[in-house]
Structure formats: structure tokens, C-alpha cells
Amino acid sequence: MYYKGRGVCHDLREAFRLKTLAAETKFRLGAENVGDYVQAHKWLNLSTAQGDKEAGTLRDELAKPIPRIRL
């Protein structure tokens, strides 16, 4: 919600804090934006191999290039 500003103010720091907390508690959705994309890809790939289709979708999204923002 914080990452996309859905229902709350857009706040990347809070989004990152919550994603990190989720990852530390081994919640697989927290892995996608923790900062270590290799590890995130690995865990999402393992989840996909166990039949989690959403993890496969997230893994594929993670592999896409990040658009650059011009300031």
C-alpha cells in the first residue's frame, strides 16, 4: 500500500521497512523488494517450484528492468 500509495500516502521508506520486516519473518512476499534481488529471485523461484503461481508472477516482475526516474 505504501509502495503504490493505495489508501495511504506514498512512502517508499515505510514500504521498505515493512517489506524488510516481512522478509525477516520469512513471509515470501517480503522478499521481492528487500534490496538483494538475487536472494529475492532465489526465494521466489523456490516458491514457484513448489507450485506457488503468484510467486512466479512476482519473480517475473522482479526480473524486469526498473524504469529510471528523471528529476
C-alpha atoms as a PDB file:
ATOM      1  CA  MET A   1       0.000   0.000   0.000  1.00  0.00           C
ATOM      2  CA  TYR A   2       2.771   2.428   0.889  1.00  0.00           C
ATOM      3  CA  TYR A   3       4.780   1.499  -2.208  1.00  0.00           C
ATOM      4  CA  LYS A   4       1.948   2.443  -4.573  1.00  0.00           C
ATOM      5  CA  GLY A   5       0.134   4.941  -2.341  1.00  0.00           C
ATOM      6  CA  ARG A   6      -3.052   2.912  -2.179  1.00  0.00           C
ATOM      7  CA  GLY A   7      -5.214   4.269   0.622  1.00  0.00           C
ATOM      8  CA  VAL A   8      -2.198   5.884   2.325  1.00  0.00           C
ATOM      9  CA  CYS A   9       0.392   8.481   1.383  1.00  0.00           C
ATOM     10  CA  HIS A  10       3.095   7.173  -0.966  1.00  0.00           C
ATOM     11  CA  ASP A  11       6.035   6.376   1.351  1.00  0.00           C
ATOM     12  CA  LEU A  12       8.907   4.279  -0.010  1.00  0.00           C
ATOM     13  CA  ARG A  13      10.747   4.244   3.321  1.00  0.00           C
ATOM     14  CA  GLU A  14       7.756   2.774   5.123  1.00  0.00           C
ATOM     15  CA  ALA A  15       7.192   0.325   2.266  1.00  0.00           C
ATOM     16  CA  PHE A  16      10.815  -0.819   2.511  1.00  0.00           C
ATOM     17  CA  ARG A  17      10.631  -1.086   6.323  1.00  0.00           C
ATOM     18  CA  LEU A  18       7.537  -3.271   6.137  1.00  0.00           C
ATOM     19  CA  LYS A  19       8.925  -5.400   3.308  1.00  0.00           C
ATOM     20  CA  THR A  20      12.123  -5.956   5.287  1.00  0.00           C
ATOM     21  CA  LEU A  21      10.150  -6.919   8.374  1.00  0.00           C
ATOM     22  CA  ALA A  22       8.099  -9.348   6.307  1.00  0.00           C
ATOM     23  CA  ALA A  23      11.245 -10.872   4.775  1.00  0.00           C
ATOM     24  CA  GLU A  24      12.894 -11.241   8.175  1.00  0.00           C
ATOM     25  CA  THR A  25       9.890 -13.205   9.381  1.00  0.00           C
ATOM     26  CA  LYS A  26      10.181 -15.408   6.280  1.00  0.00           C
ATOM     27  CA  PHE A  27       6.997 -14.108   4.669  1.00  0.00           C
ATOM     28  CA  ARG A  28       7.761 -14.773   0.993  1.00  0.00           C
ATOM     29  CA  LEU A  29       6.056 -11.634  -0.334  1.00  0.00           C
ATOM     30  CA  GLY A  30       8.512  -9.567   1.674  1.00  0.00           C
ATOM     31  CA  ALA A  31      11.371 -10.873  -0.425  1.00  0.00           C
ATOM     32  CA  GLU A  32      10.506  -9.070  -3.640  1.00  0.00           C
ATOM     33  CA  ASN A  33      11.838  -5.593  -2.732  1.00  0.00           C
ATOM     34  CA  VAL A  34      14.280  -6.082   0.086  1.00  0.00           C
ATOM     35  CA  GLY A  35      17.219  -4.871  -1.946  1.00  0.00           C
ATOM     36  CA  ASP A  36      19.031  -8.125  -2.611  1.00  0.00           C
ATOM     37  CA  TYR A  37      17.387  -9.048  -5.883  1.00  0.00           C
ATOM     38  CA  VAL A  38      19.417 -12.212  -6.305  1.00  0.00           C
ATOM     39  CA  GLN A  39      18.178 -13.571  -2.983  1.00  0.00           C
ATOM     40  CA  ALA A  40      14.647 -12.380  -3.679  1.00  0.00           C
ATOM     41  CA  HIS A  41      14.712 -14.091  -7.072  1.00  0.00           C
ATOM     42  CA  LYS A  42      16.036 -17.270  -5.468  1.00  0.00           C
ATOM     43  CA  TRP A  43      13.292 -17.459  -2.841  1.00  0.00           C
ATOM     44  CA  LEU A  44      10.549 -16.598  -5.301  1.00  0.00           C
ATOM     45  CA  ASN A  45      11.920 -19.214  -7.681  1.00  0.00           C
ATOM     46  CA  LEU A  46      11.869 -21.839  -4.918  1.00  0.00           C
ATOM     47  CA  SER A  47       8.287 -20.902  -4.058  1.00  0.00           C
ATOM     48  CA  THR A  48       7.364 -21.184  -7.730  1.00  0.00           C
ATOM     49  CA  ALA A  49       8.936 -24.632  -7.888  1.00  0.00           C
ATOM     50  CA  GLN A  50       6.663 -25.646  -5.006  1.00  0.00           C
ATOM     51  CA  GLY A  51       3.610 -24.638  -7.015  1.00  0.00           C
ATOM     52  CA  ASP A  52       3.053 -21.042  -5.884  1.00  0.00           C
ATOM     53  CA  LYS A  53       1.868 -19.318  -9.070  1.00  0.00           C
ATOM     54  CA  GLU A  54       1.832 -15.837  -7.501  1.00  0.00           C
ATOM     55  CA  ALA A  55       5.498 -16.247  -6.563  1.00  0.00           C
ATOM     56  CA  GLY A  56       6.246 -16.953 -10.231  1.00  0.00           C
ATOM     57  CA  THR A  57       4.463 -13.785 -11.250  1.00  0.00           C
ATOM     58  CA  LEU A  58       6.375 -11.773  -8.639  1.00  0.00           C
ATOM     59  CA  ARG A  59       9.668 -13.344  -9.729  1.00  0.00           C
ATOM     60  CA  ASP A  60       8.980 -12.388 -13.337  1.00  0.00           C
ATOM     61  CA  GLU A  61       8.106  -8.817 -12.301  1.00  0.00           C
ATOM     62  CA  LEU A  62      11.285  -8.614 -10.250  1.00  0.00           C
ATOM     63  CA  ALA A  63      13.356  -9.576 -13.296  1.00  0.00           C
ATOM     64  CA  LYS A  64      12.023  -6.666 -15.354  1.00  0.00           C
ATOM     65  CA  PRO A  65      14.277  -3.592 -15.646  1.00  0.00           C
ATOM     66  CA  ILE A  66      13.481  -0.752 -13.258  1.00  0.00           C
ATOM     67  CA  PRO A  67      12.461   2.403 -15.144  1.00  0.00           C
ATOM     68  CA  ARG A  68      14.685   5.381 -14.411  1.00  0.00           C
ATOM     69  CA  ILE A  69      13.062   8.474 -12.960  1.00  0.00           C
ATOM     70  CA  ARG A  70      14.374  11.783 -14.202  1.00  0.00           C
ATOM     71  CA  LEU A  71      14.437  14.562 -11.673  1.00  0.00           C
END
